[in-house]
PDB file of N, CA and C in Angstrom:
ATOM      1  N   MET A   1      69.808  11.372   9.632  1.00  0.00           N
ATOM      2  CA  MET A   1      71.230  11.215   9.388  1.00  0.00           C
ATOM      3  C   MET A   1      71.871  12.588   9.229  1.00  0.00           C
ATOM      4  N   LEU A   2      72.966  12.775   9.883  1.00  0.00           N
ATOM      5  CA  LEU A   2      73.695  14.035   9.807  1.00  0.00           C
ATOM      6  C   LEU A   2      74.782  13.953   8.748  1.00  0.00           C
ATOM      7  N   ASN A   3      74.880  15.001   7.972  1.00  0.00           N
ATOM      8  CA  ASN A   3      75.971  15.129   7.007  1.00  0.00           C
ATOM      9  C   ASN A   3      76.799  16.344   7.394  1.00  0.00           C
ATOM     10  N   ILE A   4      78.063  16.118   7.654  1.00  0.00           N
ATOM     11  CA  ILE A   4      78.969  17.192   8.042  1.00  0.00           C
ATOM     12  C   ILE A   4      80.062  17.291   6.986  1.00  0.00           C
ATOM     13  N   ARG A   5      80.266  18.512   6.498  1.00  0.00           N
ATOM     14  CA  ARG A   5      81.351  18.742   5.532  1.00  0.00           C
ATOM     15  C   ARG A   5      82.492  19.436   6.257  1.00  0.00           C
ATOM     16  N   LEU A   6      83.553  18.708   6.454  1.00  0.00           N
ATOM     17  CA  LEU A   6      84.703  19.254   7.171  1.00  0.00           C
ATOM     18  C   LEU A   6      85.385  20.358   6.376  1.00  0.00           C
ATOM     19  N   GLU A   7      85.256  20.327   5.069  1.00  0.00           N
ATOM     20  CA  GLU A   7      85.905  21.318   4.210  1.00  0.00           C
ATOM     21  C   GLU A   7      84.961  22.455   3.826  1.00  0.00           C
ATOM     22  N   GLY A   8      83.740  22.433   4.315  1.00  0.00           N
ATOM     23  CA  GLY A   8      82.752  23.439   3.943  1.00  0.00           C
ATOM     24  C   GLY A   8      83.038  24.802   4.548  1.00  0.00           C
ATOM     25  N   LYS A   9      82.309  25.803   4.058  1.00  0.00           N
ATOM     26  CA  LYS A   9      82.471  27.173   4.553  1.00  0.00           C
ATOM     27  C   LYS A   9      81.761  27.377   5.884  1.00  0.00           C
ATOM     28  N   GLN A  10      80.665  26.642   6.103  1.00  0.00           N
ATOM     29  CA  GLN A  10      79.903  26.788   7.338  1.00  0.00           C
ATOM     30  C   GLN A  10      80.646  26.084   8.475  1.00  0.00           C
ATOM     31  N   PRO A  11      80.805  26.757   9.618  1.00  0.00           N
ATOM     32  CA  PRO A  11      81.488  26.116  10.749  1.00  0.00           C
ATOM     33  C   PRO A  11      80.818  24.786  11.119  1.00  0.00           C
ATOM     34  N   ILE A  12      81.614  23.854  11.581  1.00  0.00           N
ATOM     35  CA  ILE A  12      81.114  22.514  11.888  1.00  0.00           C
ATOM     36  C   ILE A  12      80.053  22.554  12.980  1.00  0.00           C
ATOM     37  N   TYR A  13      80.231  23.379  14.013  1.00  0.00           N
ATOM     38  CA  TYR A  13      79.236  23.426  15.081  1.00  0.00           C
ATOM     39  C   TYR A  13      77.893  23.921  14.551  1.00  0.00           C
ATOM     40  N   GLU A  14      77.922  24.839  13.567  1.00  0.00           N
ATOM     41  CA  GLU A  14      76.676  25.312  12.960  1.00  0.00           C
ATOM     42  C   GLU A  14      76.036  24.215  12.115  1.00  0.00           C
ATOM     43  N   GLN A  15      76.865  23.420  11.435  1.00  0.00           N
ATOM     44  CA  GLN A  15      76.336  22.294  10.662  1.00  0.00           C
ATOM     45  C   GLN A  15      75.653  21.286  11.584  1.00  0.00           C
ATOM     46  N   LEU A  16      76.276  21.014  12.725  1.00  0.00           N
ATOM     47  CA  LEU A  16      75.670  20.108  13.701  1.00  0.00           C
ATOM     48  C   LEU A  16      74.356  20.683  14.219  1.00  0.00           C
ATOM     49  N   PHE A  17      74.368  21.966  14.577  1.00  0.00           N
ATOM     50  CA  PHE A  17      73.162  22.631  15.073  1.00  0.00           C
ATOM     51  C   PHE A  17      72.040  22.532  14.042  1.00  0.00           C
ATOM     52  N   SER A  18      72.342  22.906  12.803  1.00  0.00           N
ATOM     53  CA  SER A  18      71.334  22.880  11.738  1.00  0.00           C
ATOM     54  C   SER A  18      70.846  21.466  11.459  1.00  0.00           C
ATOM     55  N   GLY A  19      71.771  20.531  11.427  1.00  0.00           N
ATOM     56  CA  GLY A  19      71.404  19.148  11.136  1.00  0.00           C
ATOM     57  C   GLY A  19      70.503  18.546  12.196  1.00  0.00           C
ATOM     58  N   ILE A  20      70.845  18.754  13.452  1.00  0.00           N
ATOM     59  CA  ILE A  20      70.025  18.218  14.541  1.00  0.00           C
ATOM     60  C   ILE A  20      68.683  18.937  14.584  1.00  0.00           C
ATOM     61  N   SER A  21      68.682  20.248  14.364  1.00  0.00           N
ATOM     62  CA  SER A  21      67.422  21.003  14.307  1.00  0.00           C
ATOM     63  C   SER A  21      66.509  20.438  13.227  1.00  0.00           C
ATOM     64  N   ARG A  22      67.089  20.143  12.063  1.00  0.00           N
ATOM     65  CA  ARG A  22      66.308  19.591  10.950  1.00  0.00           C
ATOM     66  C   ARG A  22      65.742  18.222  11.324  1.00  0.00           C
ATOM     67  N   LEU A  23      66.558  17.382  11.938  1.00  0.00           N
ATOM     68  CA  LEU A  23      66.092  16.053  12.334  1.00  0.00           C
ATOM     69  C   LEU A  23      64.948  16.140  13.343  1.00  0.00           C
ATOM     70  N   ILE A  24      64.994  17.142  14.212  1.00  0.00           N
ATOM     71  CA  ILE A  24      63.901  17.352  15.163  1.00  0.00           C
ATOM     72  C   ILE A  24      62.650  17.804  14.419  1.00  0.00           C
ATOM     73  N   SER A  25      62.820  18.756  13.502  1.00  0.00           N
ATOM     74  CA  SER A  25      61.661  19.332  12.811  1.00  0.00           C
ATOM     75  C   SER A  25      60.946  18.315  11.923  1.00  0.00           C
ATOM     76  N   VAL A  26      61.663  17.355  11.351  1.00  0.00           N
ATOM     77  CA  VAL A  26      61.019  16.350  10.496  1.00  0.00           C
ATOM     78  C   VAL A  26      60.592  15.109  11.284  1.00  0.00           C
ATOM     79  N   GLY A  27      60.837  15.123  12.586  1.00  0.00           N
ATOM     80  CA  GLY A  27      60.375  14.034  13.436  1.00  0.00           C
ATOM     81  C   GLY A  27      61.286  12.821  13.501  1.00  0.00           C
ATOM     82  N   GLU A  28      62.486  12.923  12.936  1.00  0.00           N
ATOM     83  CA  GLU A  28      63.427  11.800  13.029  1.00  0.00           C
ATOM     84  C   GLU A  28      63.965  11.644  14.446  1.00  0.00           C
ATOM     85  N   LEU A  29      64.059  12.759  15.148  1.00  0.00           N
ATOM     86  CA  LEU A  29      64.432  12.722  16.561  1.00  0.00           C
ATOM     87  C   LEU A  29      63.182  13.083  17.356  1.00  0.00           C
ATOM     88  N   GLN A  30      62.798  12.197  18.250  1.00  0.00           N
ATOM     89  CA  GLN A  30      61.554  12.347  19.004  1.00  0.00           C
ATOM     90  C   GLN A  30      61.797  12.982  20.372  1.00  0.00           C
ATOM     91  N   PRO A  31      60.754  13.620  20.934  1.00  0.00           N
ATOM     92  CA  PRO A  31      60.882  14.189  22.279  1.00  0.00           C
ATOM     93  C   PRO A  31      61.372  13.140  23.279  1.00  0.00           C
ATOM     94  N   GLU A  32      62.283  13.565  24.117  1.00  0.00           N
ATOM     95  CA  GLU A  32      62.912  12.766  25.173  1.00  0.00           C
ATOM     96  C   GLU A  32      63.857  11.685  24.646  1.00  0.00           C
ATOM     97  N   GLU A  33      64.121  11.684  23.340  1.00  0.00           N
ATOM     98  CA  GLU A  33      65.117  10.759  22.789  1.00  0.00           C
ATOM     99  C   GLU A  33      66.506  11.254  23.186  1.00  0.00           C
ATOM    100  N   LYS A  34      67.345  10.323  23.592  1.00  0.00           N
ATOM    101  CA  LYS A  34      68.699  10.686  24.024  1.00  0.00           C
ATOM    102  C   LYS A  34      69.595  10.904  22.811  1.00  0.00           C
ATOM    103  N   LEU A  35      70.341  12.003  22.847  1.00  0.00           N
ATOM    104  CA  LEU A  35      71.328  12.277  21.803  1.00  0.00           C
ATOM    105  C   LEU A  35      72.602  11.484  22.096  1.00  0.00           C
ATOM    106  N   PRO A  36      73.375  11.184  21.062  1.00  0.00           N
ATOM    107  CA  PRO A  36      74.654  10.511  21.304  1.00  0.00           C
ATOM    108  C   PRO A  36      75.562  11.395  22.173  1.00  0.00           C
ATOM    109  N   ALA A  37      76.423  10.759  22.926  1.00  0.00           N
ATOM    110  CA  ALA A  37      77.362  11.487  23.777  1.00  0.00           C
ATOM    111  C   ALA A  37      78.280  12.356  22.922  1.00  0.00           C
ATOM    112  N   VAL A  38      78.742  13.441  23.510  1.00  0.00           N
ATOM    113  CA  VAL A  38      79.623  14.380  22.819  1.00  0.00           C
ATOM    114  C   VAL A  38      80.830  13.654  22.229  1.00  0.00           C
ATOM    115  N   ARG A  39      81.471  12.822  23.023  1.00  0.00           N
ATOM    116  CA  ARG A  39      82.670  12.112  22.550  1.00  0.00           C
ATOM    117  C   ARG A  39      82.347  11.158  21.403  1.00  0.00           C
ATOM    118  N   GLU A  40      81.177  10.550  21.464  1.00  0.00           N
ATOM    119  CA  GLU A  40      80.760   9.622  20.404  1.00  0.00           C
ATOM    120  C   GLU A  40      80.592  10.357  19.070  1.00  0.00           C
ATOM    121  N   VAL A  41      79.942  11.524  19.113  1.00  0.00           N
ATOM    122  CA  VAL A  41      79.742  12.321  17.896  1.00  0.00           C
ATOM    123  C   VAL A  41      81.087  12.812  17.370  1.00  0.00           C
ATOM    124  N   ALA A  42      81.937  13.274  18.281  1.00  0.00           N
ATOM    125  CA  ALA A  42      83.261  13.761  17.881  1.00  0.00           C
ATOM    126  C   ALA A  42      84.053  12.655  17.191  1.00  0.00           C
ATOM    127  N   LYS A  43      84.009  11.466  17.747  1.00  0.00           N
ATOM    128  CA  LYS A  43      84.733  10.336  17.158  1.00  0.00           C
ATOM    129  C   LYS A  43      84.136   9.961  15.800  1.00  0.00           C
ATOM    130  N   GLN A  44      82.810   9.957  15.705  1.00  0.00           N
ATOM    131  CA  GLN A  44      82.128   9.584  14.464  1.00  0.00           C
ATOM    132  C   GLN A  44      82.549  10.473  13.298  1.00  0.00           C
ATOM    133  N   PHE A  45      82.671  11.787  13.560  1.00  0.00           N
ATOM    134  CA  PHE A  45      82.993  12.726  12.492  1.00  0.00           C
ATOM    135  C   PHE A  45      84.463  13.134  12.466  1.00  0.00           C
ATOM    136  N   GLY A  46      85.238  12.666  13.434  1.00  0.00           N
ATOM    137  CA  GLY A  46      86.650  13.015  13.482  1.00  0.00           C
ATOM    138  C   GLY A  46      86.871  14.484  13.793  1.00  0.00           C
ATOM    139  N   ILE A  47      86.079  15.002  14.736  1.00  0.00           N
ATOM    140  CA  ILE A  47      86.163  16.416  15.107  1.00  0.00           C
ATOM    141  C   ILE A  47      86.441  16.544  16.599  1.00  0.00           C
ATOM    142  N   ASN A  48      86.757  17.750  17.016  1.00  0.00           N
ATOM    143  CA  ASN A  48      87.058  18.032  18.411  1.00  0.00           C
ATOM    144  C   ASN A  48      85.777  17.957  19.252  1.00  0.00           C
ATOM    145  N   PRO A  49      85.817  17.306  20.417  1.00  0.00           N
ATOM    146  CA  PRO A  49      84.642  17.252  21.286  1.00  0.00           C
ATOM    147  C   PRO A  49      84.110  18.638  21.671  1.00  0.00           C
ATOM    148  N   ASN A  50      85.002  19.635  21.753  1.00  0.00           N
ATOM    149  CA  ASN A  50      84.546  20.991  22.082  1.00  0.00           C
ATOM    150  C   ASN A  50      83.606  21.543  21.009  1.00  0.00           C
ATOM    151  N   THR A  51      83.813  21.134  19.765  1.00  0.00           N
ATOM    152  CA  THR A  51      82.950  21.564  18.664  1.00  0.00           C
ATOM    153  C   THR A  51      81.545  21.001  18.854  1.00  0.00           C
ATOM    154  N   VAL A  52      81.475  19.731  19.217  1.00  0.00           N
ATOM    155  CA  VAL A  52      80.177  19.094  19.465  1.00  0.00           C
ATOM    156  C   VAL A  52      79.516  19.742  20.674  1.00  0.00           C
ATOM    157  N   GLN A  53      80.293  19.982  21.717  1.00  0.00           N
ATOM    158  CA  GLN A  53      79.746  20.601  22.926  1.00  0.00           C
ATOM    159  C   GLN A  53      79.179  21.979  22.615  1.00  0.00           C
ATOM    160  N   LYS A  54      79.841  22.728  21.750  1.00  0.00           N
ATOM    161  CA  LYS A  54      79.353  24.056  21.368  1.00  0.00           C
ATOM    162  C   LYS A  54      78.002  23.939  20.660  1.00  0.00           C
ATOM    163  N   ALA A  55      77.879  22.967  19.763  1.00  0.00           N
ATOM    164  CA  ALA A  55      76.609  22.752  19.060  1.00  0.00           C
ATOM    165  C   ALA A  55      75.513  22.354  20.049  1.00  0.00           C
ATOM    166  N   TYR A  56      75.822  21.457  20.969  1.00  0.00           N
ATOM    167  CA  TYR A  56      74.840  21.035  21.968  1.00  0.00           C
ATOM    168  C   TYR A  56      74.431  22.217  22.849  1.00  0.00           C
ATOM    169  N   ALA A  57      75.391  23.068  23.197  1.00  0.00           N
ATOM    170  CA  ALA A  57      75.073  24.247  24.018  1.00  0.00           C
ATOM    171  C   ALA A  57      74.119  25.177  23.272  1.00  0.00           C
ATOM    172  N   LEU A  58      74.349  25.373  21.977  1.00  0.00           N
ATOM    173  CA  LEU A  58      73.450  26.213  21.176  1.00  0.00           C
ATOM    174  C   LEU A  58      72.064  25.586  21.072  1.00  0.00           C
ATOM    175  N   LEU A  59      72.005  24.280  20.904  1.00  0.00           N
ATOM    176  CA  LEU A  59      70.717  23.584  20.848  1.00  0.00           C
ATOM    177  C   LEU A  59      69.965  23.742  22.168  1.00  0.00           C
ATOM    178  N   GLU A  60      70.710  23.700  23.262  1.00  0.00           N
ATOM    179  CA  GLU A  60      70.074  23.869  24.572  1.00  0.00           C
ATOM    180  C   GLU A  60      69.592  25.306  24.755  1.00  0.00           C
ATOM    181  N   GLN A  61      70.405  26.280  24.344  1.00  0.00           N
ATOM    182  CA  GLN A  61      69.988  27.689  24.417  1.00  0.00           C
ATOM    183  C   GLN A  61      68.726  27.932  23.606  1.00  0.00           C
ATOM    184  N   ALA A  62      68.623  27.256  22.470  1.00  0.00           N
ATOM    185  CA  ALA A  62      67.463  27.418  21.590  1.00  0.00           C
ATOM    186  C   ALA A  62      66.245  26.658  22.107  1.00  0.00           C
ATOM    187  N   GLY A  63      66.425  25.860  23.155  1.00  0.00           N
ATOM    188  CA  GLY A  63      65.310  25.116  23.727  1.00  0.00           C
ATOM    189  C   GLY A  63      64.996  23.813  23.009  1.00  0.00           C
ATOM    190  N   LEU A  64      65.886  23.386  22.127  1.00  0.00           N
ATOM    191  CA  LEU A  64      65.635  22.162  21.364  1.00  0.00           C
ATOM    192  C   LEU A  64      66.023  20.904  22.131  1.00  0.00           C
ATOM    193  N   ILE A  65      67.003  21.036  23.020  1.00  0.00           N
ATOM    194  CA  ILE A  65      67.419  19.901  23.835  1.00  0.00           C
ATOM    195  C   ILE A  65      67.556  20.361  25.279  1.00  0.00           C
ATOM    196  N   HIS A  66      67.626  19.393  26.179  1.00  0.00           N
ATOM    197  CA  HIS A  66      67.939  19.696  27.575  1.00  0.00           C
ATOM    198  C   HIS A  66      68.924  18.648  28.071  1.00  0.00           C
ATOM    199  N   SER A  67      69.762  19.066  28.990  1.00  0.00           N
ATOM    200  CA  SER A  67      70.794  18.175  29.516  1.00  0.00           C
ATOM    201  C   SER A  67      70.434  17.728  30.920  1.00  0.00           C
ATOM    202  N   VAL A  68      70.730  16.481  31.195  1.00  0.00           N
ATOM    203  CA  VAL A  68      70.552  15.920  32.527  1.00  0.00           C
ATOM    204  C   VAL A  68      71.946  15.548  33.015  1.00  0.00           C
ATOM    205  N   PRO A  69      72.406  16.187  34.106  1.00  0.00           N
ATOM    206  CA  PRO A  69      73.760  15.913  34.591  1.00  0.00           C
ATOM    207  C   PRO A  69      74.018  14.409  34.765  1.00  0.00           C
ATOM    208  N   ALA A  70      75.157  13.979  34.279  1.00  0.00           N
ATOM    209  CA  ALA A  70      75.637  12.599  34.362  1.00  0.00           C
ATOM    210  C   ALA A  70      74.789  11.606  33.567  1.00  0.00           C
ATOM    211  N   LYS A  71      73.814  12.101  32.802  1.00  0.00           N
ATOM    212  CA  LYS A  71      72.974  11.197  32.004  1.00  0.00           C
ATOM    213  C   LYS A  71      73.037  11.510  30.521  1.00  0.00           C
ATOM    214  N   GLY A  72      73.189  12.788  30.158  1.00  0.00           N
ATOM    215  CA  GLY A  72      73.284  13.134  28.751  1.00  0.00           C
ATOM    216  C   GLY A  72      72.313  14.210  28.320  1.00  0.00           C
ATOM    217  N   SER A  73      72.182  14.354  27.009  1.00  0.00           N
ATOM    218  CA  SER A  73      71.311  15.373  26.420  1.00  0.00           C
ATOM    219  C   SER A  73      70.142  14.691  25.723  1.00  0.00           C
ATOM    220  N   TYR A  74      68.971  15.314  25.864  1.00  0.00           N
ATOM    221  CA  TYR A  74      67.735  14.743  25.345  1.00  0.00           C
ATOM    222  C   TYR A  74      66.980  15.786  24.533  1.00  0.00           C
ATOM    223  N   ILE A  75      66.205  15.311  23.555  1.00  0.00           N
ATOM    224  CA  ILE A  75      65.352  16.196  22.770  1.00  0.00           C
ATOM    225  C   ILE A  75      64.269  16.735  23.698  1.00  0.00           C
ATOM    226  N   SER A  76      63.997  18.032  23.616  1.00  0.00           N
ATOM    227  CA  SER A  76      62.977  18.655  24.458  1.00  0.00           C
ATOM    228  C   SER A  76      61.588  18.169  24.071  1.00  0.00           C
ATOM    229  N   ALA A  77      60.639  18.396  24.962  1.00  0.00           N
ATOM    230  CA  ALA A  77      59.246  18.025  24.712  1.00  0.00           C
ATOM    231  C   ALA A  77      58.771  18.651  23.408  1.00  0.00           C
ATOM    232  N   ALA A  78      57.819  18.001  22.765  1.00  0.00           N
ATOM    233  CA  ALA A  78      57.365  18.402  21.423  1.00  0.00           C
ATOM    234  C   ALA A  78      56.990  19.871  21.333  1.00  0.00           C
ATOM    235  N   GLY A  79      56.192  20.362  22.258  1.00  0.00           N
ATOM    236  CA  GLY A  79      55.773  21.760  22.207  1.00  0.00           C
ATOM    237  C   GLY A  79      56.947  22.711  22.340  1.00  0.00           C
ATOM    238  N   ASN A  80      57.840  22.398  23.265  1.00  0.00           N
ATOM    239  CA  ASN A  80      59.016  23.244  23.471  1.00  0.00           C
ATOM    240  C   ASN A  80      59.905  23.250  22.240  1.00  0.00           C
ATOM    241  N   ALA A  81      60.110  22.084  21.649  1.00  0.00           N
ATOM    242  CA  ALA A  81      60.971  21.989  20.468  1.00  0.00           C
ATOM    243  C   ALA A  81      60.351  22.730  19.292  1.00  0.00           C
ATOM    244  N   ALA A  82      59.034  22.580  19.112  1.00  0.00           N
ATOM    245  CA  ALA A  82      58.361  23.267  18.000  1.00  0.00           C
ATOM    246  C   ALA A  82      58.463  24.778  18.169  1.00  0.00           C
ATOM    247  N   ASP A  83      58.219  25.255  19.384  1.00  0.00           N
ATOM    248  CA  ASP A  83      58.337  26.696  19.650  1.00  0.00           C
ATOM    249  C   ASP A  83      59.766  27.168  19.430  1.00  0.00           C
ATOM    250  N   ALA A  84      60.726  26.373  19.879  1.00  0.00           N
ATOM    251  CA  ALA A  84      62.132  26.749  19.722  1.00  0.00           C
ATOM    252  C   ALA A  84      62.514  26.812  18.249  1.00  0.00           C
ATOM    253  N   LEU A  85      62.015  25.868  17.448  1.00  0.00           N
ATOM    254  CA  LEU A  85      62.312  25.888  16.014  1.00  0.00           C
ATOM    255  C   LEU A  85      61.721  27.126  15.355  1.00  0.00           C
ATOM    256  N   LYS A  86      60.501  27.490  15.750  1.00  0.00           N
ATOM    257  CA  LYS A  86      59.879  28.702  15.204  1.00  0.00           C
ATOM    258  C   LYS A  86      60.686  29.937  15.593  1.00  0.00           C
ATOM    259  N   ASN A  87      61.084  30.000  16.859  1.00  0.00           N
ATOM    260  CA  ASN A  87      61.869  31.147  17.321  1.00  0.00           C
ATOM    261  C   ASN A  87      63.204  31.233  16.594  1.00  0.00           C
ATOM    262  N   GLU A  88      63.841  30.092  16.381  1.00  0.00           N
ATOM    263  CA  GLU A  88      65.122  30.075  15.671  1.00  0.00           C
ATOM    264  C   GLU A  88      64.929  30.501  14.220  1.00  0.00           C
ATOM    265  N   ALA A  89      63.851  30.042  13.593  1.00  0.00           N
ATOM    266  CA  ALA A  89      63.564  30.440  12.210  1.00  0.00           C
ATOM    267  C   ALA A  89      63.325  31.946  12.128  1.00  0.00           C
ATOM    268  N   LEU A  90      62.607  32.487  13.100  1.00  0.00           N
ATOM    269  CA  LEU A  90      62.370  33.935  13.121  1.00  0.00           C
ATOM    270  C   LEU A  90      63.670  34.705  13.330  1.00  0.00           C
ATOM    271  N   ARG A  91      64.528  34.192  14.199  1.00  0.00           N
ATOM    272  CA  ARG A  91      65.809  34.858  14.456  1.00  0.00           C
ATOM    273  C   ARG A  91      66.656  34.894  13.181  1.00  0.00           C
ATOM    274  N   ARG A  92      66.725  33.756  12.477  1.00  0.00           N
ATOM    275  CA  ARG A  92      67.508  33.705  11.236  1.00  0.00           C
ATOM    276  C   ARG A  92      66.889  34.594  10.164  1.00  0.00           C
ATOM    277  N   THR A  93      65.553  34.609  10.109  1.00  0.00           N
ATOM    278  CA  THR A  93      64.864  35.461   9.135  1.00  0.00           C
ATOM    279  C   THR A  93      65.168  36.922   9.407  1.00  0.00           C
ATOM    280  N   GLU A  94      65.156  37.306  10.679  1.00  0.00           N
ATOM    281  CA  GLU A  94      65.472  38.692  11.038  1.00  0.00           C
ATOM    282  C   GLU A  94      66.881  39.057  10.583  1.00  0.00           C
ATOM    283  N   GLN A  95      67.836  38.171  10.812  1.00  0.00           N
ATOM    284  CA  GLN A  95      69.216  38.435  10.389  1.00  0.00           C
ATOM    285  C   GLN A  95      69.295  38.620   8.878  1.00  0.00           C
ATOM    286  N   GLU A  96      68.621  37.752   8.140  1.00  0.00           N
ATOM    287  CA  GLU A  96      68.651  37.840   6.678  1.00  0.00           C
ATOM    288  C   GLU A  96      67.943  39.097   6.178  1.00  0.00           C
ATOM    289  N   LEU A  97      66.848  39.475   6.835  1.00  0.00           N
ATOM    290  CA  LEU A  97      66.148  40.699   6.439  1.00  0.00           C
ATOM    291  C   LEU A  97      67.015  41.928   6.682  1.00  0.00           C
ATOM    292  N   ARG A  98      67.718  41.945   7.797  1.00  0.00           N
ATOM    293  CA  ARG A  98      68.623  43.069   8.073  1.00  0.00           C
ATOM    294  C   ARG A  98      69.724  43.134   7.013  1.00  0.00           C
ATOM    295  N   SER A  99      70.241  41.977   6.639  1.00  0.00           N
ATOM    296  CA  SER A  99      71.271  41.909   5.604  1.00  0.00           C
ATOM    297  C   SER A  99      70.716  42.393   4.266  1.00  0.00           C
ATOM    298  N   ALA A 100      69.508  41.970   3.924  1.00  0.00           N
ATOM    299  CA  ALA A 100      68.872  42.403   2.672  1.00  0.00           C
ATOM    300  C   ALA A 100      68.641  43.910   2.676  1.00  0.00           C
ATOM    301  N   CYS A 101      68.228  44.444   3.817  1.00  0.00           N
ATOM    302  CA  CYS A 101      68.002  45.890   3.946  1.00  0.00           C
ATOM    303  C   CYS A 101      69.303  46.650   3.713  1.00  0.00           C
ATOM    304  N   ARG A 102      70.385  46.172   4.334  1.00  0.00           N
ATOM    305  CA  ARG A 102      71.689  46.823   4.153  1.00  0.00           C
ATOM    306  C   ARG A 102      72.155  46.746   2.705  1.00  0.00           C
ATOM    307  N   ALA A 103      71.762  45.675   2.015  1.00  0.00           N
ATOM    308  CA  ALA A 103      72.169  45.492   0.617  1.00  0.00           C
ATOM    309  C   ALA A 103      71.292  46.286  -0.345  1.00  0.00           C
ATOM    310  N   GLY A 104      70.256  46.930   0.186  1.00  0.00           N
ATOM    311  CA  GLY A 104      69.411  47.765  -0.654  1.00  0.00           C
ATOM    312  C   GLY A 104      68.230  47.061  -1.297  1.00  0.00           C
ATOM    313  N   VAL A 105      67.884  45.879  -0.811  1.00  0.00           N
ATOM    314  CA  VAL A 105      66.720  45.171  -1.346  1.00  0.00           C
ATOM    315  C   VAL A 105      65.464  45.937  -0.937  1.00  0.00           C
ATOM    316  N   ALA A 106      64.573  46.152  -1.890  1.00  0.00           N
ATOM    317  CA  ALA A 106      63.347  46.916  -1.643  1.00  0.00           C
ATOM    318  C   ALA A 106      62.358  46.089  -0.819  1.00  0.00           C
ATOM    319  N   LEU A 107      61.632  46.775   0.065  1.00  0.00           N
ATOM    320  CA  LEU A 107      60.624  46.125   0.902  1.00  0.00           C
ATOM    321  C   LEU A 107      59.588  45.402   0.037  1.00  0.00           C
ATOM    322  N   GLU A 108      59.246  45.995  -1.089  1.00  0.00           N
ATOM    323  CA  GLU A 108      58.259  45.380  -1.984  1.00  0.00           C
ATOM    324  C   GLU A 108      58.748  44.016  -2.481  1.00  0.00           C
ATOM    325  N   GLN A 109      60.053  43.914  -2.754  1.00  0.00           N
ATOM    326  CA  GLN A 109      60.620  42.640  -3.206  1.00  0.00           C
ATOM    327  C   GLN A 109      60.526  41.582  -2.103  1.00  0.00           C
ATOM    328  N   VAL A 110      60.810  42.003  -0.889  1.00  0.00           N
ATOM    329  CA  VAL A 110      60.748  41.082   0.246  1.00  0.00           C
ATOM    330  C   VAL A 110      59.308  40.624   0.461  1.00  0.00           C
ATOM    331  N   ASN A 111      58.362  41.572   0.411  1.00  0.00           N
ATOM    332  CA  ASN A 111      56.951  41.225   0.595  1.00  0.00           C
ATOM    333  C   ASN A 111      56.480  40.252  -0.475  1.00  0.00           C
ATOM    334  N   LYS A 112      56.867  40.491  -1.721  1.00  0.00           N
ATOM    335  CA  LYS A 112      56.462  39.603  -2.821  1.00  0.00           C
ATOM    336  C   LYS A 112      57.030  38.207  -2.608  1.00  0.00           C
ATOM    337  N   LEU A 113      58.298  38.144  -2.230  1.00  0.00           N
ATOM    338  CA  LEU A 113      58.932  36.853  -1.984  1.00  0.00           C
ATOM    339  C   LEU A 113      58.210  36.104  -0.858  1.00  0.00           C
ATOM    340  N   ALA A 114      57.913  36.815   0.227  1.00  0.00           N
ATOM    341  CA  ALA A 114      57.216  36.197   1.362  1.00  0.00           C
ATOM    342  C   ALA A 114      55.840  35.686   0.934  1.00  0.00           C
ATOM    343  N   GLN A 115      55.103  36.488   0.172  1.00  0.00           N
ATOM    344  CA  GLN A 115      53.777  36.065  -0.293  1.00  0.00           C
ATOM    345  C   GLN A 115      53.879  34.839  -1.197  1.00  0.00           C
ATOM    346  N   ASP A 116      54.859  34.819  -2.077  1.00  0.00           N
ATOM    347  CA  ASP A 116      55.053  33.669  -2.964  1.00  0.00           C
ATOM    348  C   ASP A 116      55.349  32.399  -2.162  1.00  0.00           C
ATOM    349  N   ILE A 117      56.214  32.531  -1.173  1.00  0.00           N
ATOM    350  CA  ILE A 117      56.579  31.376  -0.345  1.00  0.00           C
ATOM    351  C   ILE A 117      55.365  30.881   0.434  1.00  0.00           C
ATOM    352  N   TRP A 118      54.593  31.805   1.006  1.00  0.00           N
ATOM    353  CA  TRP A 118      53.407  31.402   1.769  1.00  0.00           C
ATOM    354  C   TRP A 118      52.386  30.726   0.855  1.00  0.00           C
ATOM    355  N   SER A 119      52.237  31.224  -0.365  1.00  0.00           N
ATOM    356  CA  SER A 119      51.311  30.602  -1.324  1.00  0.00           C
ATOM    357  C   SER A 119      51.759  29.179  -1.655  1.00  0.00           C
ATOM    358  N   GLU A 120      53.058  28.993  -1.842  1.00  0.00           N
ATOM    359  CA  GLU A 120      53.594  27.652  -2.099  1.00  0.00           C
ATOM    360  C   GLU A 120      53.315  26.731  -0.919  1.00  0.00           C
ATOM    361  N   GLY A 121      53.513  27.260   0.284  1.00  0.00           N
ATOM    362  CA  GLY A 121      53.309  26.466   1.499  1.00  0.00           C
ATOM    363  C   GLY A 121      51.869  26.023   1.670  1.00  0.00           C
ATOM    364  N   LYS A 122      50.926  26.891   1.338  1.00  0.00           N
ATOM    365  CA  LYS A 122      49.506  26.540   1.461  1.00  0.00           C
ATOM    366  C   LYS A 122      49.128  25.444   0.482  1.00  0.00           C
ATOM    367  N   GLY A 123      49.829  25.393  -0.641  1.00  0.00           N
ATOM    368  CA  GLY A 123      49.573  24.347  -1.623  1.00  0.00           C
ATOM    369  C   GLY A 123      50.329  23.063  -1.323  1.00  0.00           C
ATOM    370  N   GLY A 124      51.084  23.053  -0.222  1.00  0.00           N
ATOM    371  CA  GLY A 124      51.851  21.866   0.157  1.00  0.00           C
ATOM    372  C   GLY A 124      53.106  21.660  -0.665  1.00  0.00           C
ATOM    373  N   ASN A 125      53.596  22.723  -1.290  1.00  0.00           N
ATOM    374  CA  ASN A 125      54.745  22.592  -2.191  1.00  0.00           C
ATOM    375  C   ASN A 125      56.080  22.983  -1.572  1.00  0.00           C
ATOM    376  N   LEU A 126      56.148  23.138  -0.270  1.00  0.00           N
ATOM    377  CA  LEU A 126      57.425  23.544   0.329  1.00  0.00           C
ATOM    378  C   LEU A 126      58.358  22.392   0.496  1.00  0.00           C
TER     379      LEU A 126
END
């Protein structure tokens, strides 16, 4: 289920991108499952179809979905989607690390945080 906050700070197309990415990563959306039409999503949330199209375009660029002309958009094959999610996570991590570096966060702090998170993940606590 997608939750979109029209009054939120995050742009709506990014909320759609993140929400659909999350649904793919947790297996709620399966490979080759058809996504709702752009107009249908726009009507459901009361948003401009161009906003939905922008989110779908980003999902396609990230390799999470593929479009079939005159048929619609579909979730990419499992391997492709998993790789795309990893690549997107790395891209976002890189952006945040650059931001942390500019803000003066010490490398040691980042390393400690990463080690703590990985330790939590190995214990199944993520």
